[in-house]
Structures are given as C-alpha cells and as structure tokens.
Amino acid sequence: MDWNHYRFRSLWTLPAPPATVYDVLERPEDYPRWWPQVREVTRLDDTTGVIRIRSVVPYGMTFTAREVRRDPAAGVLETTLSGDMEGWARWTVTPHGTGSLARYDQAVSVHKPLLRRLAVPGRPVFRANHALMMRSGRRGLLRHLRAV
C-alpha cells in the first residue's frame, strides 16, 4: 500500500439548480470568497492556476491545477494537480430533487516532505482534515448560493 496516496469522494446536496452550482464551481479564483480553507488562487492563464490551501491541521499545501475537462452539459469540471500533491480532481454536478448534487472525486499522491514522513501515523488525521475542509466548503458554498 502506498501510504502517500489518497482517494476522496464528497457528496454535497445543494438547494440551487445544477447550472448555478456549476457556474460557481467553474470559477476557482472566487473559491477563497466562500471556502475558508482555500487561502489563495492565482490564475496563470485561462486553464491553469496556483492554489494555496490550509485546513485545521497546521500545514499548508500549494499546487498547480490545470483544467483538462470543462463540460457544462455533463456538469463536469476536471483538473490535474501538481506540486505538494500530484493527481486529479473532478466535480460532477447533477440534478437532485429540486436542487443539485455536487460530487467531488480526487485521487492524489502527497509530495510534501513532512507529510510523506508522517504518512503512516498521520493518515487518519490527514483524512479527517480533508473531511473537515470539505464540510466547511459545503457550508461556505451554501451561504454563497443564498447570496447570489
């Protein structure tokens, strides 16, 4: 088992139509406005940006995200990630009742030296940290959607 490899899935039910949710999620440069753990997004061009995140555990991560798929009709946004972590992340937004379901899938290998050294004992903490970050993101997106 590669202790530095992680797969995550989060499901967010949201009270807004899929097109509205998709419109918000396709603008990562705005994430810091509603997602507290996304500290900074710096656009490099139309499809690439540098993202700095930090959650409850006192370590930050910086990575470059490059868009590889943007399909509004299918509700899919997918990026490759490189830097402190390497892999991919994908949002899939679909209708759900009177609102939407935003599914976040991610597969990454961690490259940050400290996190690699702490891989075995820290794994449960890192997974919990990710879960807390995702819960906070959902809460922030809910507030943001109510305001738009």
Protein backbone atom coordinates (compact mmCIF):
# COMPACT_ATOMS: atom_id res chain seq x y z
CA MET A 1 0.00 0.00 0.00
CA ASP A 2 1.25 3.47 -0.86
CA TRP A 3 0.62 5.42 2.34
CA ASN A 4 1.06 8.71 0.47
CA HIS A 5 -1.76 8.03 -2.00
CA TYR A 6 -5.31 9.17 -1.18
CA ARG A 7 -8.70 8.81 -2.85
CA PHE A 8 -11.53 11.04 -1.67
CA ARG A 9 -15.19 11.43 -2.53
CA SER A 10 -17.55 14.04 -1.13
CA LEU A 11 -21.22 14.48 -1.96
CA TRP A 12 -22.84 17.87 -1.46
CA THR A 13 -26.60 18.28 -1.77
CA LEU A 14 -27.34 21.89 -2.61
CA PRO A 15 -30.62 23.82 -2.99
CA ALA A 16 -29.65 25.53 -6.26
CA PRO A 17 -30.06 24.38 -9.87
CA PRO A 18 -27.12 22.48 -11.40
CA ALA A 19 -26.27 25.32 -13.81
CA THR A 20 -25.95 27.78 -10.91
CA VAL A 21 -23.73 25.45 -8.89
CA TYR A 22 -21.61 24.69 -11.94
CA ASP A 23 -21.18 28.40 -12.66
CA VAL A 24 -19.78 28.94 -9.15
CA LEU A 25 -17.52 25.87 -9.20
CA GLU A 26 -16.00 26.73 -12.58
CA ARG A 27 -14.51 29.94 -11.10
CA PRO A 28 -11.80 28.69 -8.73
CA GLU A 29 -10.37 32.20 -8.39
CA ASP A 30 -13.53 33.00 -6.37
CA TYR A 31 -13.22 29.99 -4.01
CA PRO A 32 -11.39 32.00 -1.30
CA ARG A 33 -14.51 34.21 -1.00
CA TRP A 34 -16.67 31.31 0.17
CA TRP A 35 -14.31 28.42 1.09
CA PRO A 36 -12.18 29.44 4.11
CA GLN A 37 -9.52 26.75 3.62
CA VAL A 38 -8.81 27.85 0.05
CA ARG A 39 -6.50 30.68 1.01
CA GLU A 40 -5.42 31.93 -2.40
CA VAL A 41 -5.89 31.18 -6.09
CA THR A 42 -3.61 32.84 -8.63
CA ARG A 43 -4.63 32.42 -12.25
CA LEU A 44 -1.72 31.76 -14.61
CA ASP A 45 -3.87 31.59 -17.74
CA ASP A 46 -7.40 30.56 -18.77
CA THR A 47 -6.94 26.92 -17.71
CA THR A 48 -4.21 26.96 -15.05
CA GLY A 49 -3.79 28.40 -11.58
CA VAL A 50 -1.78 28.06 -8.40
CA ILE A 51 -3.88 27.20 -5.35
CA ARG A 52 -2.84 27.54 -1.71
CA ILE A 53 -4.91 25.68 0.89
CA ARG A 54 -4.76 25.15 4.63
CA SER A 55 -7.25 23.38 6.87
CA VAL A 56 -7.38 22.54 10.59
CA VAL A 57 -4.07 20.70 10.78
CA PRO A 58 -1.36 23.38 10.78
CA TYR A 59 0.19 22.75 7.40
CA GLY A 60 -0.46 24.38 4.08
CA MET A 61 -0.27 22.93 0.61
CA THR A 62 0.39 24.64 -2.68
CA PHE A 63 -0.28 23.08 -6.04
CA THR A 64 -0.92 23.95 -9.65
CA ALA A 65 -4.32 22.98 -11.05
CA ARG A 66 -4.71 22.65 -14.80
CA GLU A 67 -8.14 22.22 -16.34
CA VAL A 68 -8.38 19.12 -18.53
CA ARG A 69 -12.14 18.92 -18.93
CA ARG A 70 -14.90 21.52 -18.79
CA ASP A 71 -18.26 20.12 -19.89
CA PRO A 72 -21.22 22.22 -18.73
CA ALA A 73 -23.75 19.89 -20.42
CA ALA A 74 -22.46 16.93 -18.39
CA GLY A 75 -21.79 19.09 -15.31
CA VAL A 76 -18.12 18.02 -15.24
CA LEU A 77 -15.06 20.04 -14.25
CA GLU A 78 -11.78 18.13 -14.05
CA THR A 79 -8.24 19.24 -13.28
CA THR A 80 -4.81 17.73 -12.93
CA LEU A 81 -2.86 18.70 -9.82
CA SER A 82 0.90 19.05 -9.39
CA GLY A 83 3.09 20.42 -6.63
CA ASP A 84 2.71 19.43 -2.97
CA MET A 85 0.27 16.83 -4.28
CA GLU A 86 0.03 15.16 -7.67
CA GLY A 87 -3.09 13.67 -9.23
CA TRP A 88 -6.51 14.83 -10.33
CA ALA A 89 -9.77 16.27 -9.00
CA ARG A 90 -13.23 16.30 -10.55
CA TRP A 91 -16.55 17.99 -9.82
CA THR A 92 -19.68 16.42 -11.29
CA VAL A 93 -22.86 18.45 -10.80
CA THR A 94 -26.21 16.75 -11.47
CA PRO A 95 -29.88 17.43 -10.73
CA HIS A 96 -31.05 16.16 -7.35
CA GLY A 97 -34.66 16.71 -6.32
CA THR A 98 -35.31 20.44 -6.60
CA GLY A 99 -31.59 21.26 -6.36
CA SER A 100 -28.25 19.69 -7.19
CA LEU A 101 -25.79 17.05 -6.16
CA ALA A 102 -22.15 18.16 -6.44
CA ARG A 103 -19.85 15.14 -6.32
CA TYR A 104 -16.17 15.76 -5.69
CA ASP A 105 -13.72 12.98 -6.54
CA GLN A 106 -9.99 13.25 -6.01
CA ALA A 107 -7.01 10.90 -6.31
CA VAL A 108 -3.65 12.30 -5.23
CA SER A 109 -0.20 11.34 -4.06
CA VAL A 110 1.32 13.67 -1.50
CA HIS A 111 4.80 15.03 -2.26
CA LYS A 112 5.27 17.48 0.61
CA PRO A 113 8.25 16.09 2.60
CA LEU A 114 6.80 16.50 6.11
CA LEU A 115 3.52 14.84 5.14
CA ARG A 116 5.40 11.98 3.48
CA ARG A 117 7.44 11.38 6.67
CA LEU A 118 4.24 11.32 8.73
CA ALA A 119 2.31 9.19 6.21
CA VAL A 120 1.61 6.14 8.38
CA PRO A 121 0.84 7.70 11.77
CA GLY A 122 -0.71 10.81 10.22
CA ARG A 123 -3.00 9.17 7.67
CA PRO A 124 -6.17 9.17 9.85
CA VAL A 125 -5.52 12.79 10.80
CA PHE A 126 -4.96 13.82 7.17
CA ARG A 127 -8.19 12.08 6.09
CA ALA A 128 -10.14 13.76 8.92
CA ASN A 129 -8.58 17.10 7.98
CA HIS A 130 -9.77 16.66 4.39
CA ALA A 131 -13.28 15.76 5.58
CA LEU A 132 -13.42 18.91 7.73
CA MET A 133 -12.23 21.02 4.81
CA MET A 134 -14.93 19.59 2.56
CA ARG A 135 -17.67 20.13 5.16
CA SER A 136 -16.55 23.72 5.56
CA GLY A 137 -16.53 24.16 1.78
CA ARG A 138 -20.10 22.92 1.53
CA ARG A 139 -21.24 25.31 4.27
CA GLY A 140 -19.47 28.20 2.54
CA LEU A 141 -20.97 27.32 -0.83
CA LEU A 142 -24.46 27.14 0.71
CA ARG A 143 -24.02 30.66 2.13
CA HIS A 144 -22.64 31.90 -1.18
CA LEU A 145 -25.52 30.40 -3.19
CA ARG A 146 -28.07 32.07 -0.89
CA ALA A 147 -26.38 35.43 -1.53
CA VAL A 148 -26.34 35.19 -5.35
